Amino acid sequence: MKFFSANIFKLLLTLVCCSLMPSGFAFAATAQGYVHEVSGDVQAQQGAGKPVKLEKNQSLENNTTITTSANSTAVLKFIDGTVIALNQNTAFTIQKYDFNEKTPSSMTALFTMLRGGLRAITGSNSAKNRDGFKLATPNATIGIRGTEFLAQLVNPLYVQVVSGSVTLSNAAGVAVFAAGQTATVASATSLATTIPAVPAGTFGTLPSVPVPPAVPAPVPAAAGATGSGAAGTAGAAGSGAAGAAGAAVGGVSAATVGVAAAAAAAAAAAAGGSDSPAAPTATSTQ
């Protein structure tokens, strides 16, 4: 009986912890970026985990890849104020983002764009460590100098500088471009060059995607609080792992009493002398 009770508590404790996180991810409390806005079909994958639908206000950890489908966009924001708007058909990875307001000069923002396009507006604190921001693409790595720019990878890579300046570096060397200039990089072995303008339609609707002010702001409450995460799903419909466990333990549904109350129900069921077999082992789907 003690073994059965202990197993129930382990299962319910796991579900309570998971219910506090956005669906599909095991995000830590140290997340420094989040989804400000999302439109259409946008997926996120942390490491080798399973891709899940990205939702507004969902926090973002390092080693997370965001992909947008056709006619889909996403706007990401980081606590130093940096804003990244992703164009349709884009694959963007947060390799490493680390910002400490007490030591802004040590900020690190390392991103990768394997395909598609984006608009980047760097936060005010990025000026204190200009070498800390890097956007790697197959053709060149983009560095910033207190900047807003657009980049579209259609082979070649096009970069349009709105404010500040950017560096484009690869095996061929480093080139610097200032506000109002447009550059192109044909390949990883070709030096970036200036062009009068990008071909019509290169950036699509990206310039018109609304973005928030590039000012420091904390990560908002997790998406689970809006009913889209594990807790919201269990509470609203009794579905998912938490809902199933609530119904299986003592006949009390997590949809009725919530995940925390389901843990209490589990204790009552075990104390009541149930001869049921041991609870199944919880398995991770991440």
Protein backbone atom coordinates (compact mmCIF):
# COMPACT_ATOMS: atom_id res chain seq x y z
CA MET A 1 0.00 0.00 0.00
CA LYS A 2 2.83 2.40 0.88
CA PHE A 3 4.51 1.57 -2.45
CA PHE A 4 1.25 2.24 -4.34
CA SER A 5 0.73 5.54 -2.54
CA ALA A 6 4.30 6.66 -3.20
CA ASN A 7 3.95 5.93 -6.91
CA ILE A 8 0.72 7.91 -7.10
CA PHE A 9 2.36 10.90 -5.45
CA LYS A 10 5.31 10.74 -7.86
CA LEU A 11 2.96 10.66 -10.83
CA LEU A 12 0.81 13.53 -9.59
CA LEU A 13 3.83 15.63 -8.60
CA THR A 14 5.19 15.23 -12.12
CA LEU A 15 1.85 16.30 -13.60
CA VAL A 16 1.58 19.33 -11.32
CA CYS A 17 5.06 20.50 -12.38
CA CYS A 18 4.34 19.91 -16.06
CA SER A 19 1.03 21.75 -15.85
CA LEU A 20 2.87 24.94 -14.98
CA MET A 21 4.79 24.90 -18.26
CA PRO A 22 3.70 25.72 -21.84
CA SER A 23 2.68 22.61 -23.77
CA GLY A 24 5.48 20.74 -25.51
CA PHE A 25 8.34 22.34 -23.57
CA ALA A 26 10.04 21.98 -20.23
CA PHE A 27 11.00 25.64 -19.97
CA ALA A 28 13.05 26.83 -17.04
CA ALA A 29 12.15 29.86 -14.97
CA THR A 30 15.15 31.66 -16.47
CA ALA A 31 13.63 32.17 -19.94
CA GLN A 32 14.69 35.54 -21.33
CA GLY A 33 12.61 35.65 -24.48
CA TYR A 34 8.98 35.16 -25.40
CA VAL A 35 6.49 35.16 -28.27
CA HIS A 36 5.01 38.66 -28.52
CA GLU A 37 2.71 37.80 -31.42
CA VAL A 38 2.07 34.85 -33.72
CA SER A 39 -0.02 34.43 -36.85
CA GLY A 40 -0.72 31.27 -38.85
CA ASP A 41 1.15 27.98 -38.53
CA VAL A 42 4.28 28.47 -36.43
CA GLN A 43 6.13 25.59 -34.78
CA ALA A 44 8.87 25.49 -32.15
CA GLN A 45 11.31 22.71 -31.31
CA GLN A 46 13.65 22.74 -28.34
CA GLY A 47 16.78 20.71 -29.01
CA ALA A 48 15.84 17.27 -30.31
CA GLY A 49 12.36 17.50 -28.80
CA LYS A 50 9.06 17.20 -30.60
CA PRO A 51 7.89 20.29 -32.56
CA VAL A 52 4.83 21.94 -31.06
CA LYS A 53 2.59 24.82 -32.04
CA LEU A 54 3.95 28.16 -30.87
CA GLU A 55 1.56 30.39 -28.97
CA LYS A 56 1.46 34.02 -27.88
CA ASN A 57 3.29 34.80 -24.61
CA GLN A 58 5.06 31.43 -24.65
CA SER A 59 8.54 31.69 -23.18
CA LEU A 60 11.58 30.75 -25.26
CA GLU A 61 14.73 28.99 -24.12
CA ASN A 62 18.14 28.65 -25.73
CA ASN A 63 18.52 25.92 -28.35
CA THR A 64 14.99 26.49 -29.65
CA THR A 65 14.19 26.55 -33.37
CA ILE A 66 11.11 28.43 -34.60
CA THR A 67 9.73 27.66 -38.06
CA THR A 68 7.02 29.59 -39.86
CA SER A 69 4.92 28.13 -42.66
CA ALA A 70 3.47 29.93 -45.69
CA ASN A 71 1.47 33.05 -44.79
CA SER A 72 2.62 32.75 -41.17
CA THR A 73 4.69 35.12 -39.04
CA ALA A 74 5.98 35.42 -35.49
CA VAL A 75 7.31 38.32 -33.43
CA LEU A 76 9.79 37.44 -30.67
CA LYS A 77 10.96 39.76 -27.93
CA PHE A 78 13.84 39.49 -25.46
CA ILE A 79 14.24 41.13 -22.07
CA ASP A 80 16.89 43.64 -23.21
CA GLY A 81 14.35 44.97 -25.73
CA THR A 82 15.58 43.16 -28.84
CA VAL A 83 12.74 42.33 -31.25
CA ILE A 84 12.86 39.70 -34.01
CA ALA A 85 10.01 39.51 -36.54
CA LEU A 86 10.07 36.30 -38.57
CA ASN A 87 8.85 36.25 -42.17
CA GLN A 88 6.89 33.35 -43.63
CA ASN A 89 8.77 30.14 -44.53
CA THR A 90 11.56 30.90 -42.06
CA ALA A 91 13.70 28.70 -39.82
CA PHE A 92 15.25 30.64 -36.93
CA THR A 93 17.24 29.26 -33.98
CA ILE A 94 18.00 30.88 -30.63
CA GLN A 95 21.44 29.42 -30.07
CA LYS A 96 22.32 31.42 -26.98
CA TYR A 97 20.75 34.48 -25.44
CA ASP A 98 22.04 35.72 -22.10
CA PHE A 99 21.40 39.15 -20.61
CA ASN A 100 21.99 40.45 -17.11
CA GLU A 101 20.78 43.98 -16.46
CA LYS A 102 23.52 44.42 -13.85
CA THR A 103 26.23 43.66 -16.43
CA PRO A 104 24.77 44.63 -19.83
CA SER A 105 28.23 44.77 -21.39
CA SER A 106 28.41 40.97 -21.14
CA MET A 107 25.22 40.42 -23.17
CA THR A 108 25.26 37.55 -25.67
CA ALA A 109 22.72 37.06 -28.46
CA LEU A 110 23.64 34.33 -30.92
CA PHE A 111 20.98 33.44 -33.50
CA THR A 112 20.86 31.40 -36.70
CA MET A 113 18.62 31.75 -39.76
CA LEU A 114 18.78 28.75 -42.06
CA ARG A 115 16.11 29.95 -44.47
CA GLY A 116 13.54 32.71 -44.91
CA GLY A 117 13.75 36.24 -43.60
CA LEU A 118 13.49 38.46 -40.56
CA ARG A 119 13.45 42.00 -39.26
CA ALA A 120 15.70 42.67 -36.28
CA ILE A 121 15.57 45.68 -33.96
CA THR A 122 18.27 45.47 -31.34
CA GLY A 123 17.61 46.65 -27.79
CA SER A 124 19.27 49.73 -26.34
CA ASN A 125 21.53 47.59 -24.18
CA SER A 126 23.05 45.85 -27.20
CA ALA A 127 25.06 49.02 -27.86
CA LYS A 128 27.01 48.23 -24.70
CA ASN A 129 28.31 45.01 -26.26
CA ARG A 130 28.12 45.34 -30.01
CA ASP A 131 30.09 42.17 -30.57
CA GLY A 132 27.59 40.19 -28.51
CA PHE A 133 24.91 40.10 -31.25
CA LYS A 134 25.45 37.67 -34.13
CA LEU A 135 22.99 36.32 -36.70
CA ALA A 136 24.50 33.43 -38.64
CA THR A 137 23.20 32.50 -42.10
CA PRO A 138 24.61 30.06 -44.68
CA ASN A 139 26.04 33.00 -46.66
CA ALA A 140 27.38 35.32 -43.97
CA THR A 141 27.23 36.26 -40.29
CA ILE A 142 25.52 39.55 -39.50
CA GLY A 143 26.86 41.71 -36.69
CA ILE A 144 25.29 44.94 -35.43
CA ARG A 145 26.16 48.43 -34.31
CA GLY A 146 22.93 49.59 -32.63
CA THR A 147 20.73 48.57 -35.49
CA GLU A 148 17.49 47.83 -37.24
CA PHE A 149 17.77 45.72 -40.36
CA LEU A 150 15.91 43.28 -42.60
CA ALA A 151 17.45 40.09 -43.96
CA GLN A 152 16.06 37.66 -46.52
CA LEU A 153 17.82 34.48 -47.59
CA VAL A 154 16.74 33.55 -51.10
CA ASN A 155 20.25 32.65 -52.27
CA PRO A 156 21.67 35.25 -52.39
CA LEU A 157 21.27 36.85 -48.98
CA TYR A 158 19.81 40.36 -49.02
CA VAL A 159 20.29 42.77 -46.11
CA GLN A 160 18.68 46.20 -45.85
CA VAL A 161 19.91 48.50 -43.07
CA VAL A 162 17.22 50.76 -41.60
CA SER A 163 19.27 52.35 -38.79
CA GLY A 164 22.73 52.01 -37.30
CA SER A 165 25.07 49.74 -39.24
CA VAL A 166 25.77 46.05 -39.78
CA THR A 167 28.80 43.95 -40.57
CA LEU A 168 28.60 41.04 -43.01
CA SER A 169 31.42 38.55 -42.55
CA ASN A 170 32.33 35.23 -44.14
CA ALA A 171 35.34 33.46 -45.63
CA ALA A 172 35.82 36.29 -48.13
CA GLY A 173 36.18 39.01 -45.48
CA VAL A 174 34.18 41.64 -43.61
CA ALA A 175 32.10 44.47 -45.07
CA VAL A 176 30.29 47.26 -43.20
CA PHE A 177 27.00 48.82 -44.31
CA ALA A 178 25.30 51.90 -42.87
CA ALA A 179 21.70 53.05 -42.56
CA GLY A 180 19.99 53.37 -45.93
CA GLN A 181 22.28 50.89 -47.65
CA THR A 182 21.32 47.52 -49.09
CA ALA A 183 23.73 44.62 -49.47
CA THR A 184 23.81 41.22 -51.05
CA VAL A 185 25.98 38.15 -50.39
CA ALA A 186 26.06 35.56 -53.16
CA SER A 187 27.67 32.75 -51.16
CA ALA A 188 29.78 31.92 -48.12
CA THR A 189 32.91 32.61 -50.16
CA SER A 190 31.77 35.89 -51.75
CA LEU A 191 32.30 39.30 -50.15
CA ALA A 192 29.14 41.30 -49.45
CA THR A 193 28.51 44.10 -51.93
CA THR A 194 26.23 47.13 -52.09
CA ILE A 195 23.24 47.16 -54.43
CA PRO A 196 20.76 49.98 -55.17
CA ALA A 197 17.75 48.05 -53.85
CA VAL A 198 16.40 44.55 -53.34
CA PRO A 199 14.21 43.01 -56.07
CA ALA A 200 10.54 43.90 -55.70
CA GLY A 201 8.70 41.64 -53.27
CA THR A 202 11.86 40.25 -51.65
CA PHE A 203 10.70 40.94 -48.10
CA GLY A 204 7.01 40.30 -48.81
CA THR A 205 4.80 41.59 -46.01
CA LEU A 206 7.59 41.53 -43.43
CA PRO A 207 8.03 45.34 -43.26
CA SER A 208 4.35 45.73 -42.36
CA VAL A 209 4.31 43.18 -39.52
CA PRO A 210 3.55 45.15 -36.31
CA VAL A 211 6.35 45.07 -33.74
CA PRO A 212 6.52 46.32 -30.13
CA PRO A 213 8.90 49.06 -28.97
CA ALA A 214 12.47 47.80 -28.58
CA VAL A 215 12.64 48.62 -24.88
CA PRO A 216 13.56 46.30 -21.99
CA ALA A 217 10.63 44.35 -20.55
CA PRO A 218 10.23 41.14 -18.53
CA VAL A 219 8.91 37.88 -19.93
CA PRO A 220 5.11 37.86 -19.37
CA ALA A 221 3.08 35.09 -17.78
CA ALA A 222 3.35 31.71 -19.50
CA ALA A 223 0.84 30.73 -22.17
CA GLY A 224 -0.45 27.98 -19.93
CA ALA A 225 -2.24 30.61 -17.89
CA THR A 226 -4.47 31.39 -20.87
CA GLY A 227 -5.66 27.79 -21.12
CA SER A 228 -3.39 26.81 -24.00
CA GLY A 229 -0.79 24.96 -21.98
CA ALA A 230 -1.01 21.63 -20.15
CA ALA A 231 -2.78 23.14 -17.15
CA GLY A 232 -5.29 25.00 -19.31
CA THR A 233 -6.06 21.88 -21.31
CA ALA A 234 -6.59 19.72 -18.24
CA GLY A 235 -8.63 22.34 -16.44
CA ALA A 236 -10.88 23.11 -19.40
CA ALA A 237 -11.54 19.69 -20.81
CA GLY A 238 -9.97 17.07 -18.56
CA SER A 239 -7.82 15.91 -21.47
CA GLY A 240 -4.09 15.33 -21.68
CA ALA A 241 -1.90 13.56 -19.15
CA ALA A 242 -3.14 15.54 -16.14
CA GLY A 243 -6.80 14.96 -16.99
CA ALA A 244 -6.27 11.25 -17.61
CA ALA A 245 -4.40 10.79 -14.35
CA GLY A 246 -7.09 12.64 -12.40
CA ALA A 247 -9.77 10.33 -13.76
CA ALA A 248 -7.72 7.20 -13.16
CA VAL A 249 -6.81 7.91 -9.54
CA GLY A 250 -9.70 7.46 -7.13
CA GLY A 251 -12.20 8.27 -9.90
CA VAL A 252 -11.65 12.04 -9.46
CA SER A 253 -11.05 14.09 -12.59
CA ALA A 254 -8.41 16.82 -12.74
CA ALA A 255 -10.91 18.74 -14.88
CA THR A 256 -13.19 18.97 -11.87
CA VAL A 257 -10.80 19.71 -9.02
CA GLY A 258 -7.62 20.86 -10.77
CA VAL A 259 -4.24 19.15 -10.81
CA ALA A 260 -3.27 20.13 -7.28
CA ALA A 261 -6.56 18.83 -5.86
CA ALA A 262 -6.12 15.63 -7.86
CA ALA A 263 -2.99 14.98 -5.83
CA ALA A 264 -5.07 15.17 -2.66
CA ALA A 265 -7.64 12.86 -4.22
CA ALA A 266 -4.87 10.38 -4.98
CA ALA A 267 -3.82 10.38 -1.35
CA ALA A 268 -7.40 9.78 -0.23
CA ALA A 269 -7.83 6.92 -2.67
CA ALA A 270 -4.64 5.24 -1.51
CA ALA A 271 -5.55 5.69 2.16
CA GLY A 272 -8.96 4.17 1.53
CA GLY A 273 -7.47 0.69 1.08
CA SER A 274 -7.55 0.40 -2.69
CA ASP A 275 -6.24 -2.92 -4.02
CA SER A 276 -5.65 -1.51 -7.47
CA PRO A 277 -2.36 -2.40 -9.21
CA ALA A 278 0.56 0.04 -9.09
CA ALA A 279 0.08 3.27 -11.06
CA PRO A 280 1.61 3.27 -14.53
CA THR A 281 5.00 4.95 -14.89
CA ALA A 282 4.77 8.45 -16.33
CA THR A 283 6.64 8.78 -19.66
CA SER A 284 7.92 11.95 -21.24
CA THR A 285 6.77 12.90 -24.75
CA GLN A 286 9.24 15.76 -25.08
